[in-house]
N, C-alpha and C. Protein backbone atom coordinates (compact mmCIF):
# COMPACT_ATOMS: atom_id res chain seq x y z
N MET A 1 0.80 -1.14 -0.04
CA MET A 1 -0.09 -0.02 0.02
C MET A 1 1.14 1.21 0.02
N ALA A 2 0.55 2.47 -0.93
CA ALA A 2 1.39 3.19 -0.75
C ALA A 2 1.18 3.99 0.23
N LYS A 3 2.25 4.83 0.58
CA LYS A 3 2.29 6.00 1.53
C LYS A 3 2.64 7.22 0.90
N ASP A 4 2.49 8.22 1.89
CA ASP A 4 2.47 9.58 1.65
C ASP A 4 3.73 9.89 0.79
N ILE A 5 4.93 9.33 1.49
CA ILE A 5 6.19 9.82 0.83
C ILE A 5 6.16 8.82 -0.77
N ASP A 6 5.66 7.71 -0.78
CA ASP A 6 5.77 7.64 -2.29
C ASP A 6 4.99 8.45 -3.34
N ARG A 7 3.95 9.17 -2.86
CA ARG A 7 2.92 9.92 -3.74
C ARG A 7 4.13 11.21 -3.64
N ARG A 8 4.57 11.71 -2.83
CA ARG A 8 5.55 13.19 -2.66
C ARG A 8 6.66 12.49 -3.78
N ILE A 9 7.33 11.54 -3.96
CA ILE A 9 8.35 11.17 -4.84
C ILE A 9 7.94 11.27 -6.27
N ILE A 10 6.57 10.65 -6.60
CA ILE A 10 6.16 10.65 -7.85
C ILE A 10 5.75 12.22 -8.21
N GLN A 11 5.34 13.07 -7.36
CA GLN A 11 4.91 14.49 -7.32
C GLN A 11 6.20 15.27 -7.73
N ASP A 12 7.19 14.90 -7.12
CA ASP A 12 8.56 15.66 -7.25
C ASP A 12 8.86 15.52 -8.61
N LEU A 13 8.81 14.03 -9.16
CA LEU A 13 9.21 13.74 -10.46
C LEU A 13 8.42 14.86 -11.37
N LEU A 14 7.23 14.75 -11.23
CA LEU A 14 6.41 15.60 -12.25
C LEU A 14 6.29 16.75 -12.32
N ASP A 15 6.79 17.27 -11.05
CA ASP A 15 7.22 18.54 -10.73
C ASP A 15 8.64 19.37 -11.62
N ASN A 16 9.19 18.14 -11.87
CA ASN A 16 10.40 18.42 -12.26
C ASN A 16 10.81 17.89 -13.80
N GLY A 17 9.47 17.94 -14.31
CA GLY A 17 9.41 17.39 -15.87
C GLY A 17 9.63 15.88 -16.28
N VAL A 18 9.72 15.35 -15.45
CA VAL A 18 10.02 13.59 -15.69
C VAL A 18 8.69 13.37 -16.34
N ASP A 19 8.72 12.70 -17.40
CA ASP A 19 7.56 12.09 -17.89
C ASP A 19 7.56 10.88 -18.45
N PHE A 20 8.65 9.99 -18.26
CA PHE A 20 8.68 8.97 -18.71
C PHE A 20 9.54 8.23 -17.51
N VAL A 21 9.04 6.80 -17.05
CA VAL A 21 9.77 6.38 -15.87
C VAL A 21 9.79 4.68 -16.29
N THR A 22 10.83 4.32 -16.00
CA THR A 22 10.92 2.62 -16.32
C THR A 22 11.33 2.13 -14.67
N SER A 23 10.75 0.93 -14.43
CA SER A 23 11.06 0.46 -13.13
C SER A 23 10.99 -1.10 -13.44
N VAL A 24 12.01 -1.61 -12.47
CA VAL A 24 12.18 -3.22 -12.29
C VAL A 24 11.69 -3.45 -10.95
N PRO A 25 10.94 -4.29 -10.73
CA PRO A 25 10.24 -4.80 -9.37
C PRO A 25 11.18 -4.47 -8.04
N CYS A 26 10.73 -4.26 -6.89
CA CYS A 26 11.71 -3.92 -5.75
C CYS A 26 10.59 -4.04 -4.55
N LYS A 27 11.02 -4.84 -3.58
CA LYS A 27 9.90 -4.75 -2.69
C LYS A 27 9.64 -3.50 -1.76
N GLN A 28 11.13 -2.81 -1.72
CA GLN A 28 11.16 -1.53 -0.76
C GLN A 28 10.48 -0.65 -2.04
N LEU A 29 10.58 -0.48 -2.90
CA LEU A 29 9.68 0.77 -4.07
C LEU A 29 8.84 0.42 -4.38
N ALA A 30 7.93 -0.47 -4.01
CA ALA A 30 6.64 -1.03 -4.50
C ALA A 30 5.67 0.08 -4.33
N GLY A 31 5.85 0.85 -3.27
CA GLY A 31 4.95 1.72 -3.08
C GLY A 31 4.83 2.98 -4.20
N VAL A 32 6.35 3.20 -4.44
CA VAL A 32 6.37 4.19 -5.37
C VAL A 32 5.74 3.63 -6.72
N ILE A 33 6.13 2.54 -7.27
CA ILE A 33 5.48 2.08 -8.54
C ILE A 33 4.06 1.84 -8.56
N GLU A 34 3.88 1.46 -7.40
CA GLU A 34 2.17 1.50 -7.45
C GLU A 34 1.63 2.92 -7.77
N VAL A 35 2.04 4.04 -6.94
CA VAL A 35 1.42 5.41 -7.54
C VAL A 35 1.82 5.72 -8.70
N LEU A 36 3.01 5.23 -9.17
CA LEU A 36 3.34 5.46 -10.51
C LEU A 36 2.19 4.65 -11.73
N ASP A 37 2.13 3.57 -11.28
CA ASP A 37 0.86 3.00 -12.11
C ASP A 37 -0.64 3.71 -12.36
N GLU A 38 -0.51 4.52 -11.06
CA GLU A 38 -1.89 5.38 -11.04
C GLU A 38 -1.76 6.67 -11.79
N THR A 39 -0.49 6.89 -11.99
CA THR A 39 -0.45 8.52 -12.52
C THR A 39 -0.27 8.62 -14.18
N GLU A 40 -1.59 9.12 -14.51
CA GLU A 40 -1.41 8.85 -16.14
C GLU A 40 -0.60 10.00 -16.82
N ALA A 41 -0.42 11.02 -15.91
CA ALA A 41 0.68 11.83 -16.29
C ALA A 41 2.22 11.54 -17.10
N LEU A 42 2.30 10.50 -16.41
CA LEU A 42 3.60 9.58 -16.35
C LEU A 42 3.61 8.46 -17.13
N LYS A 43 4.41 8.07 -18.46
CA LYS A 43 4.69 6.96 -19.07
C LYS A 43 5.43 6.09 -18.51
N HIS A 44 4.84 4.73 -17.94
CA HIS A 44 5.69 3.94 -16.72
C HIS A 44 5.71 2.74 -18.02
N VAL A 45 6.95 2.22 -18.25
CA VAL A 45 7.33 1.03 -18.88
C VAL A 45 8.01 0.19 -17.89
N PRO A 46 7.40 -0.85 -17.43
CA PRO A 46 8.18 -1.64 -16.85
C PRO A 46 9.22 -2.22 -17.52
N CYS A 47 10.14 -3.11 -16.74
CA CYS A 47 11.25 -3.67 -17.66
C CYS A 47 11.61 -4.94 -16.59
N ASN A 48 12.40 -5.89 -17.39
CA ASN A 48 12.84 -6.89 -16.74
C ASN A 48 14.17 -6.96 -15.94
N LYS A 49 14.83 -6.24 -16.49
CA LYS A 49 16.55 -5.92 -16.29
C LYS A 49 16.91 -4.35 -16.21
N GLU A 50 17.75 -4.12 -15.17
CA GLU A 50 18.10 -2.53 -15.29
C GLU A 50 18.87 -2.18 -16.64
N ASP A 51 19.85 -2.97 -17.25
CA ASP A 51 20.29 -2.57 -18.27
C ASP A 51 19.53 -2.29 -19.39
N GLU A 52 18.57 -2.93 -19.74
CA GLU A 52 17.34 -2.77 -20.49
C GLU A 52 16.58 -1.75 -19.87
N GLY A 53 16.56 -1.53 -19.18
CA GLY A 53 15.73 0.08 -18.51
C GLY A 53 16.61 1.54 -19.19
N MET A 54 17.77 1.27 -18.96
CA MET A 54 18.88 2.17 -19.25
C MET A 54 18.64 2.15 -20.75
N GLY A 55 18.49 1.47 -21.57
CA GLY A 55 17.86 1.22 -23.29
C GLY A 55 16.79 2.39 -23.21
N LEU A 56 15.79 1.95 -22.45
CA LEU A 56 14.08 2.56 -22.77
C LEU A 56 14.37 4.02 -22.23
N CYS A 57 15.38 4.20 -21.27
CA CYS A 57 15.43 5.62 -20.97
C CYS A 57 16.10 6.64 -22.09
N ALA A 58 17.25 5.89 -22.52
CA ALA A 58 18.06 6.66 -23.69
C ALA A 58 16.93 7.10 -24.90
N GLY A 59 16.00 5.76 -25.35
CA GLY A 59 15.37 6.00 -26.50
C GLY A 59 14.06 7.06 -25.80
N ALA A 60 13.63 7.04 -25.06
CA ALA A 60 12.78 7.98 -24.41
C ALA A 60 13.10 9.57 -24.41
N PHE A 61 14.39 9.33 -24.00
CA PHE A 61 15.23 10.99 -24.05
C PHE A 61 15.21 11.42 -25.72
N MET A 62 16.04 10.47 -26.26
CA MET A 62 16.24 11.17 -27.72
C MET A 62 15.10 11.29 -28.47
N GLY A 63 13.56 10.58 -27.97
CA GLY A 63 12.35 10.73 -28.84
C GLY A 63 11.67 12.09 -27.74
N GLY A 64 12.55 13.12 -26.87
CA GLY A 64 12.14 14.25 -26.47
C GLY A 64 11.52 14.10 -24.96
N MET A 65 11.69 13.14 -24.61
CA MET A 65 11.03 12.66 -23.32
C MET A 65 12.10 13.09 -21.95
N LYS A 66 11.74 13.30 -20.91
CA LYS A 66 12.39 13.38 -19.67
C LYS A 66 12.50 11.94 -18.83
N PRO A 67 13.23 11.20 -18.77
CA PRO A 67 13.06 9.70 -18.29
C PRO A 67 13.78 9.87 -16.68
N ALA A 68 13.24 8.79 -16.30
CA ALA A 68 13.99 8.46 -14.91
C ALA A 68 13.86 6.75 -14.98
N ILE A 69 14.68 6.25 -13.69
CA ILE A 69 14.67 4.55 -13.80
C ILE A 69 14.29 4.55 -12.20
N ILE A 70 13.76 3.30 -11.82
CA ILE A 70 13.78 3.03 -10.55
C ILE A 70 14.02 1.63 -10.53
N MET A 71 15.08 1.19 -9.75
CA MET A 71 15.94 -0.03 -9.58
C MET A 71 16.46 -0.50 -8.09
N GLN A 72 16.99 -1.27 -8.07
CA GLN A 72 17.68 -2.20 -7.06
C GLN A 72 19.25 -1.89 -7.21
N ASN A 73 20.04 -1.57 -6.28
CA ASN A 73 21.31 -1.68 -6.28
C ASN A 73 21.99 -2.68 -6.46
N THR A 74 21.58 -3.67 -6.20
CA THR A 74 21.87 -4.95 -6.64
C THR A 74 22.15 -5.50 -7.89
N ALA A 75 21.51 -4.69 -9.15
CA ALA A 75 21.60 -4.94 -10.32
C ALA A 75 22.68 -3.62 -10.92
N LEU A 76 23.34 -3.00 -10.16
CA LEU A 76 24.10 -1.85 -10.43
C LEU A 76 25.23 -2.37 -11.50
N GLY A 77 25.79 -3.59 -10.87
CA GLY A 77 26.78 -4.17 -11.95
C GLY A 77 26.63 -4.34 -13.43
N VAL A 78 25.34 -4.74 -13.66
CA VAL A 78 24.75 -5.16 -14.92
C VAL A 78 24.41 -3.41 -15.90
N THR A 79 24.43 -2.67 -15.30
CA THR A 79 24.06 -1.55 -15.94
C THR A 79 25.25 -0.66 -16.00
N VAL A 80 26.75 -0.86 -15.88
CA VAL A 80 27.99 -0.21 -15.93
C VAL A 80 28.12 -0.12 -17.42
N ASN A 81 28.18 -0.75 -18.39
CA ASN A 81 28.30 -0.60 -19.59
C ASN A 81 27.27 0.24 -20.48
N SER A 82 25.84 0.29 -19.89
CA SER A 82 24.84 1.39 -20.45
C SER A 82 25.16 2.44 -19.75
N LEU A 83 25.50 2.58 -18.82
CA LEU A 83 25.74 4.03 -17.78
C LEU A 83 26.51 4.50 -18.80
N ALA A 84 27.80 3.73 -18.83
CA ALA A 84 29.30 4.80 -19.61
C ALA A 84 29.04 5.05 -21.02
N THR A 85 28.52 3.95 -21.64
CA THR A 85 28.64 4.12 -23.02
C THR A 85 27.55 4.70 -23.65
N LEU A 86 26.21 4.64 -23.13
CA LEU A 86 25.02 5.36 -23.71
C LEU A 86 24.60 6.56 -22.85
N ILE A 87 24.19 6.20 -21.63
CA ILE A 87 23.77 7.41 -20.90
C ILE A 87 24.61 8.59 -20.43
N GLN A 88 25.89 8.29 -20.05
CA GLN A 88 27.08 9.21 -19.80
C GLN A 88 27.30 9.63 -21.19
N PHE A 89 27.75 8.68 -22.65
CA PHE A 89 28.50 9.32 -23.65
C PHE A 89 27.22 10.65 -24.24
N TYR A 90 26.02 10.31 -24.22
CA TYR A 90 25.15 11.15 -24.97
C TYR A 90 24.63 12.05 -23.84
N GLN A 91 25.11 12.27 -22.62
CA GLN A 91 24.76 13.25 -21.79
C GLN A 91 23.34 13.09 -21.23
N ILE A 92 22.87 12.10 -21.02
CA ILE A 92 21.55 11.71 -20.79
C ILE A 92 21.06 12.35 -19.18
N PRO A 93 20.62 13.36 -19.12
CA PRO A 93 20.01 13.47 -17.30
C PRO A 93 19.30 12.38 -16.93
N LEU A 94 19.53 11.50 -16.03
CA LEU A 94 18.80 10.39 -15.56
C LEU A 94 18.71 10.13 -14.19
N PRO A 95 17.74 10.79 -13.64
CA PRO A 95 17.58 10.38 -12.16
C PRO A 95 17.39 8.82 -11.93
N MET A 96 18.06 8.11 -10.99
CA MET A 96 18.23 6.58 -10.54
C MET A 96 17.53 6.92 -9.35
N LEU A 97 16.33 6.48 -8.84
CA LEU A 97 15.80 6.25 -7.96
C LEU A 97 16.24 4.57 -7.33
N ILE A 98 17.30 4.43 -6.31
CA ILE A 98 17.60 3.10 -6.32
C ILE A 98 17.39 2.79 -4.92
N SER A 99 16.66 1.37 -4.81
CA SER A 99 16.85 1.13 -3.18
C SER A 99 18.08 0.57 -2.96
N TYR A 100 18.59 0.76 -1.77
CA TYR A 100 20.09 0.38 -1.60
C TYR A 100 19.73 -0.80 -0.51
N ARG A 101 20.08 -1.80 -1.07
CA ARG A 101 19.48 -3.32 -0.14
C ARG A 101 21.31 -3.75 0.55
N GLY A 102 21.25 -4.30 1.18
CA GLY A 102 22.26 -5.11 1.60
C GLY A 102 22.89 -4.75 3.07
N GLU A 103 22.45 -3.66 3.93
CA GLU A 103 22.92 -3.03 4.88
C GLU A 103 22.73 -3.48 6.08
N VAL A 104 23.03 -3.33 7.32
CA VAL A 104 22.74 -4.07 8.62
C VAL A 104 21.16 -4.22 8.64
N GLY A 105 20.89 -5.43 8.96
CA GLY A 105 19.21 -5.97 8.68
C GLY A 105 18.90 -6.52 7.87
N GLU A 106 19.48 -6.34 6.89
CA GLU A 106 18.99 -7.01 5.53
C GLU A 106 18.87 -8.68 5.54
N PRO A 107 17.90 -9.01 5.46
CA PRO A 107 17.53 -10.30 5.17
C PRO A 107 17.89 -11.63 4.34
N VAL A 108 18.19 -10.74 3.25
CA VAL A 108 18.87 -11.68 1.95
C VAL A 108 20.44 -11.42 1.85
N ALA A 109 20.70 -12.44 2.37
CA ALA A 109 22.38 -12.61 2.32
C ALA A 109 23.08 -12.28 0.71
N CYS A 110 22.80 -12.58 -0.24
CA CYS A 110 23.10 -12.05 -1.73
C CYS A 110 22.91 -10.65 -1.59
N GLN A 111 22.29 -10.07 -1.25
CA GLN A 111 22.21 -8.53 -1.25
C GLN A 111 23.41 -7.69 -0.64
N VAL A 112 23.63 -8.28 0.45
CA VAL A 112 24.64 -7.76 1.36
C VAL A 112 25.82 -7.62 0.38
N GLU A 113 26.57 -8.35 -0.33
CA GLU A 113 27.91 -8.47 -1.21
C GLU A 113 27.71 -6.84 -1.93
N MET A 114 26.64 -6.72 -2.87
CA MET A 114 26.54 -5.51 -3.67
C MET A 114 26.72 -4.42 -2.81
N ALA A 115 26.01 -4.21 -1.76
CA ALA A 115 25.82 -3.13 -0.88
C ALA A 115 27.23 -2.63 -0.45
N LEU A 116 27.98 -3.63 -0.84
CA LEU A 116 29.79 -3.27 -0.44
C LEU A 116 30.59 -2.55 -1.55
N HIS A 117 30.01 -2.73 -2.77
CA HIS A 117 30.56 -2.18 -3.95
C HIS A 117 29.77 -1.16 -4.59
N THR A 118 28.48 -0.80 -4.22
CA THR A 118 27.45 0.06 -5.10
C THR A 118 28.26 1.39 -5.04
N LYS A 119 28.76 2.18 -3.79
CA LYS A 119 28.88 3.39 -3.93
C LYS A 119 30.56 3.70 -4.49
N ALA A 120 30.89 2.84 -4.46
CA ALA A 120 32.33 2.61 -5.08
C ALA A 120 32.49 2.47 -6.61
N LEU A 121 31.14 1.71 -7.26
CA LEU A 121 31.02 1.68 -8.40
C LEU A 121 30.29 2.83 -9.22
N LEU A 122 29.71 3.63 -8.27
CA LEU A 122 29.18 5.00 -8.64
C LEU A 122 29.96 5.96 -8.73
N ALA A 123 31.01 5.98 -7.87
CA ALA A 123 32.25 6.94 -7.66
C ALA A 123 33.05 6.84 -8.74
N GLN A 124 33.54 5.28 -9.50
CA GLN A 124 34.11 5.33 -10.27
C GLN A 124 33.77 5.75 -11.48
N LEU A 125 32.42 5.86 -11.63
CA LEU A 125 31.75 6.45 -12.73
C LEU A 125 31.58 7.95 -12.74
N ASN A 126 31.75 8.54 -11.77
CA ASN A 126 31.62 9.70 -11.63
C ASN A 126 30.21 10.25 -11.65
N ILE A 127 29.28 9.49 -10.75
CA ILE A 127 28.09 9.73 -10.88
C ILE A 127 27.61 10.51 -9.71
N PRO A 128 27.01 11.47 -9.75
CA PRO A 128 26.59 12.07 -8.28
C PRO A 128 25.81 11.31 -7.67
N THR A 129 25.94 10.88 -6.09
CA THR A 129 25.39 10.08 -5.62
C THR A 129 24.71 10.81 -4.23
N TYR A 130 23.57 10.64 -4.07
CA TYR A 130 22.93 11.02 -2.85
C TYR A 130 22.32 9.99 -2.00
N HIS A 131 22.44 9.58 -0.66
CA HIS A 131 21.96 8.62 0.23
C HIS A 131 20.97 9.19 0.89
N LEU A 132 19.85 8.74 1.18
CA LEU A 132 18.72 9.18 1.92
C LEU A 132 18.44 8.23 3.02
N HIS A 133 18.84 8.51 4.04
CA HIS A 133 18.36 7.58 5.58
C HIS A 133 17.41 7.88 6.15
N HIS A 134 16.83 9.20 6.13
CA HIS A 134 15.85 9.28 6.62
C HIS A 134 14.44 10.08 5.50
N ALA A 135 13.03 9.85 6.01
CA ALA A 135 12.24 10.52 5.29
C ALA A 135 12.10 11.76 4.86
N SER A 136 12.64 12.63 6.16
CA SER A 136 13.02 14.06 6.09
C SER A 136 13.89 14.36 5.16
N GLN A 137 14.47 13.42 4.35
CA GLN A 137 15.44 14.06 3.50
C GLN A 137 14.77 14.07 2.03
N VAL A 138 13.51 13.70 1.77
CA VAL A 138 12.93 13.48 0.47
C VAL A 138 12.98 15.07 0.37
N GLU A 139 13.00 15.97 1.07
CA GLU A 139 12.61 17.41 0.82
C GLU A 139 14.10 17.78 -0.06
N GLU A 140 15.16 16.95 -0.50
CA GLU A 140 16.16 17.24 -0.99
C GLU A 140 15.82 16.82 -2.10
N LEU A 141 15.08 16.10 -2.79
CA LEU A 141 14.44 15.43 -4.00
C LEU A 141 14.36 16.45 -5.12
N PRO A 142 13.73 17.53 -4.96
CA PRO A 142 13.53 18.48 -6.05
C PRO A 142 15.11 19.39 -6.28
N GLY A 143 15.77 19.57 -5.42
CA GLY A 143 16.90 20.22 -5.78
C GLY A 143 18.11 18.82 -6.47
N ILE A 144 17.91 17.81 -6.20
CA ILE A 144 18.62 16.85 -6.79
C ILE A 144 18.21 16.58 -8.20
N LEU A 145 16.67 16.59 -8.69
CA LEU A 145 16.40 16.59 -9.89
C LEU A 145 16.86 17.81 -10.59
N LYS A 146 16.57 19.02 -10.05
CA LYS A 146 17.19 20.21 -10.84
C LYS A 146 18.66 19.95 -11.16
N HIS A 147 19.44 19.45 -10.42
CA HIS A 147 20.81 19.10 -10.79
C HIS A 147 21.11 18.28 -11.71
N CYS A 148 20.25 17.33 -11.69
CA CYS A 148 20.57 16.36 -12.88
C CYS A 148 20.02 16.90 -14.32
N GLN A 149 19.15 17.31 -14.46
CA GLN A 149 18.55 18.13 -15.39
C GLN A 149 19.95 19.30 -15.75
N MET A 150 20.18 19.92 -14.93
CA MET A 150 21.01 21.23 -15.27
C MET A 150 22.59 20.74 -15.94
N CYS A 151 23.09 19.21 -15.31
CA CYS A 151 24.60 19.14 -15.43
C CYS A 151 24.41 17.89 -16.46
N SER A 152 22.99 17.54 -16.92
CA SER A 152 23.00 16.51 -18.05
C SER A 152 23.58 15.21 -17.44
N LYS A 153 23.37 14.88 -16.51
CA LYS A 153 24.26 13.70 -15.90
C LYS A 153 23.25 12.74 -15.34
N PRO A 154 23.77 11.49 -15.07
CA PRO A 154 22.70 10.71 -14.04
C PRO A 154 23.15 10.99 -12.83
N VAL A 155 22.20 10.85 -12.37
CA VAL A 155 22.23 10.85 -10.46
C VAL A 155 21.61 9.54 -10.06
N ALA A 156 22.39 9.27 -8.69
CA ALA A 156 22.21 8.37 -7.96
C ALA A 156 21.18 8.74 -6.76
N ILE A 157 19.82 8.22 -6.64
CA ILE A 157 19.51 8.67 -5.45
C ILE A 157 19.24 7.24 -4.63
N LEU A 158 20.02 6.86 -3.65
CA LEU A 158 19.96 5.67 -2.92
C LEU A 158 18.91 5.82 -1.76
N THR A 159 18.01 5.16 -1.66
CA THR A 159 17.19 4.92 -0.38
C THR A 159 17.64 3.74 0.45
N ASP A 160 17.47 3.86 1.53
CA ASP A 160 17.96 2.75 2.37
C ASP A 160 16.53 2.09 3.12
N ALA A 161 16.76 0.85 3.77
CA ALA A 161 15.45 0.41 4.63
C ALA A 161 15.34 1.51 5.76
N SER A 162 16.22 2.19 6.23
CA SER A 162 15.89 3.16 7.35
C SER A 162 15.42 4.09 6.76
N PHE A 163 15.21 4.85 5.57
CA PHE A 163 14.57 5.85 4.76
C PHE A 163 12.87 5.33 4.65
N TRP A 164 12.82 4.10 4.44
CA TRP A 164 11.62 3.63 4.31
C TRP A 164 10.77 3.38 5.53
N GLY A 165 11.58 3.02 6.25
CA GLY A 165 11.40 2.74 7.57
C GLY A 165 10.64 3.68 8.48
N SER A 166 11.34 5.04 8.17
CA SER A 166 10.87 6.27 8.85
C SER A 166 9.84 7.02 7.98
N ALA A 167 9.50 6.37 7.17
CA ALA A 167 8.29 7.08 6.36
C ALA A 167 7.00 6.81 6.88
N THR A 168 5.86 7.76 6.41
CA THR A 168 4.56 7.31 7.03
C THR A 168 4.04 7.69 5.81
């Protein structure tokens, strides 16, 4: 069931001109995806893999839309080539709302390993990264989205379990 914060995130995307979103299923982001599906002003195209989503976002951008992707950090590794040779090369402003799985309290062991590499991979790719730990930090989202458009770069917005746990 969607929460106020899920609605706020989608409204911030809309307010900042995002009109195309692709997503890969994620339990932490399920409320955001639910609201996304209910929002007619946004074209939502679910995808099976994050690198496929990067291609969808590039196509949407080249077709005149402003894209965003909703994904998990555990699949960041499969997007490295798409991020470097497509998104960054063509200077596509791409907000990436990423659930940051694998921290203390993570119930799924295989999620932990990728958490150890997520920020390092993003840093190696020179992608601005914002890690939101508490729901109150959603106030930073409009500025992050404006920055993304202004610099024509992808930005990573990491949302961890404590962020979602503090949301109402």
